[in-house]
Amino acid sequence: MKKVFKVNRKSTGKTNQRRAQRHTHEFLGSLKLAEMGIDRHNHRFAGVTGQAIPRGRSHVHVISTNTDFFGHFHQVKIVTGPAIPIGNGKHIHFVKGQTTLVDGHLHRFAFATLIENPLT
């Protein structure tokens, strides 16, 4: 079952409790190898998650980016898992899934986001 997220593109420039910006995370990684023989390859990706989305007693983030180009690219679109505390009030998120199907193949991935606000 696909989850659909509505994006509010209208911005008033004002913030309040309901519209206050929430934190994001950086992420990067390499996809697992796909295909066999001379076409065997992988891709890399990097980006910044969407803002935190409350979910139960935790929150998640939407990730939507393209991989690097190797004759083609794939899309990485997924919702992270809930926050995983790592100490000092910081947390990360685990992500596991697969890319879009392109050129007859897809790639699997598993990675953790980087911590939010690494300098604080």
Protein backbone atom coordinates (compact mmCIF):
# COMPACT_ATOMS: atom_id res chain seq x y z
CA MET A 1 0.00 0.00 0.00
CA LYS A 2 1.54 3.32 -1.07
CA LYS A 3 1.43 6.22 1.34
CA VAL A 4 0.55 9.58 -0.16
CA PHE A 5 1.87 12.77 1.40
CA LYS A 6 0.30 16.11 0.58
CA VAL A 7 2.71 19.00 0.22
CA ASN A 8 1.55 22.50 1.12
CA ARG A 9 3.34 24.74 -1.38
CA LYS A 10 1.76 27.98 -0.13
CA SER A 11 4.03 29.86 2.26
CA THR A 12 3.00 32.95 4.18
CA GLY A 13 6.45 33.55 5.65
CA LYS A 14 4.94 33.31 9.13
CA THR A 15 5.58 30.53 11.60
CA ASN A 16 3.48 29.35 14.51
CA GLN A 17 3.12 26.19 16.59
CA ARG A 18 1.30 24.36 13.80
CA ARG A 19 3.58 25.48 10.96
CA ALA A 20 6.94 25.70 12.71
CA GLN A 21 9.75 24.13 10.72
CA ARG A 22 11.04 20.81 11.99
CA HIS A 23 14.47 19.27 11.71
CA THR A 24 15.94 17.33 8.78
CA HIS A 25 18.79 14.83 8.35
CA GLU A 26 21.51 14.42 5.77
CA PHE A 27 21.95 10.99 4.17
CA LEU A 28 24.32 9.32 1.72
CA GLY A 29 25.15 5.85 0.53
CA SER A 30 25.80 3.36 -2.24
CA LEU A 31 23.20 1.01 -3.65
CA LYS A 32 23.76 -2.73 -3.77
CA LEU A 33 25.08 -4.22 -7.01
CA ALA A 34 22.56 -5.07 -9.73
CA GLU A 35 22.67 -7.16 -12.89
CA MET A 36 25.26 -9.75 -13.81
CA GLY A 37 28.17 -9.83 -16.24
CA ILE A 38 29.54 -6.70 -17.88
CA ASP A 39 26.49 -4.62 -16.85
CA ARG A 40 27.03 -5.27 -13.12
CA HIS A 41 27.06 -1.88 -11.39
CA ASN A 42 25.82 0.21 -8.51
CA HIS A 43 24.96 3.86 -7.91
CA ARG A 44 25.55 6.46 -5.21
CA PHE A 45 23.12 8.92 -3.68
CA ALA A 46 23.05 11.78 -1.17
CA GLY A 47 20.63 14.41 0.04
CA VAL A 48 18.61 15.91 2.85
CA THR A 49 15.37 14.41 4.18
CA GLY A 50 12.10 16.24 4.33
CA GLN A 51 11.04 17.78 7.64
CA ALA A 52 10.00 15.58 10.57
CA ILE A 53 6.50 14.11 10.34
CA PRO A 54 5.01 13.13 13.73
CA ARG A 55 4.18 9.42 13.89
CA GLY A 56 2.96 7.96 17.18
CA ARG A 57 5.45 8.81 19.94
CA SER A 58 8.21 9.37 17.39
CA HIS A 59 8.54 10.82 13.90
CA VAL A 60 9.67 9.88 10.38
CA HIS A 61 11.05 11.70 7.33
CA VAL A 62 10.39 11.41 3.59
CA ILE A 63 13.41 10.76 1.37
CA SER A 64 13.14 11.57 -2.33
CA THR A 65 16.25 11.82 -4.50
CA ASN A 66 17.88 10.51 -7.66
CA THR A 67 21.01 8.38 -7.81
CA ASP A 68 24.11 9.37 -9.74
CA PHE A 69 24.14 8.69 -13.49
CA PHE A 70 25.64 5.50 -14.95
CA GLY A 71 23.95 5.45 -18.34
CA HIS A 72 20.71 5.85 -16.35
CA PHE A 73 19.60 6.83 -12.86
CA HIS A 74 17.11 5.51 -10.32
CA GLN A 75 14.82 7.25 -7.86
CA VAL A 76 15.07 6.63 -4.12
CA LYS A 77 11.66 7.43 -2.60
CA ILE A 78 10.86 6.09 0.84
CA VAL A 79 9.75 6.98 4.38
CA THR A 80 12.36 6.44 7.11
CA GLY A 81 11.81 4.33 10.17
CA PRO A 82 11.15 6.05 13.53
CA ALA A 83 13.87 7.89 15.45
CA ILE A 84 16.61 5.74 17.03
CA PRO A 85 18.19 7.50 20.05
CA ILE A 86 22.01 7.52 20.02
CA GLY A 87 22.69 9.55 23.19
CA ASN A 88 23.08 13.22 24.11
CA GLY A 89 19.54 13.90 22.86
CA LYS A 90 20.51 12.97 19.29
CA HIS A 91 18.95 10.38 16.99
CA ILE A 92 19.16 8.76 13.56
CA HIS A 93 16.72 6.89 11.33
CA PHE A 94 17.12 3.52 9.59
CA VAL A 95 16.07 3.16 5.97
CA LYS A 96 15.68 -0.06 3.96
CA GLY A 97 14.11 -0.51 0.55
CA GLN A 98 14.67 -0.56 -3.19
CA THR A 99 14.93 1.95 -6.03
CA THR A 100 12.63 2.42 -8.97
CA LEU A 101 12.87 -0.14 -11.78
CA VAL A 102 14.89 1.30 -14.69
CA ASP A 103 16.56 -0.45 -17.64
CA GLY A 104 15.17 -3.79 -16.47
CA HIS A 105 16.63 -3.74 -12.95
CA LEU A 106 16.46 -2.13 -9.52
CA HIS A 107 18.86 -1.80 -6.60
CA ARG A 108 18.32 -2.52 -2.92
CA PHE A 109 19.61 -0.28 -0.14
CA ALA A 110 19.94 -0.14 3.64
CA PHE A 111 21.42 2.85 5.46
CA ALA A 112 21.08 5.14 8.46
CA THR A 113 20.62 8.89 8.23
CA LEU A 114 23.23 11.16 9.77
CA ILE A 115 22.45 12.87 13.08
CA GLU A 116 20.50 16.09 13.07
CA ASN A 117 22.40 19.28 14.03
CA PRO A 118 25.83 17.63 14.35
CA LEU A 119 27.41 20.87 15.65
CA THR A 120 25.14 21.25 18.68
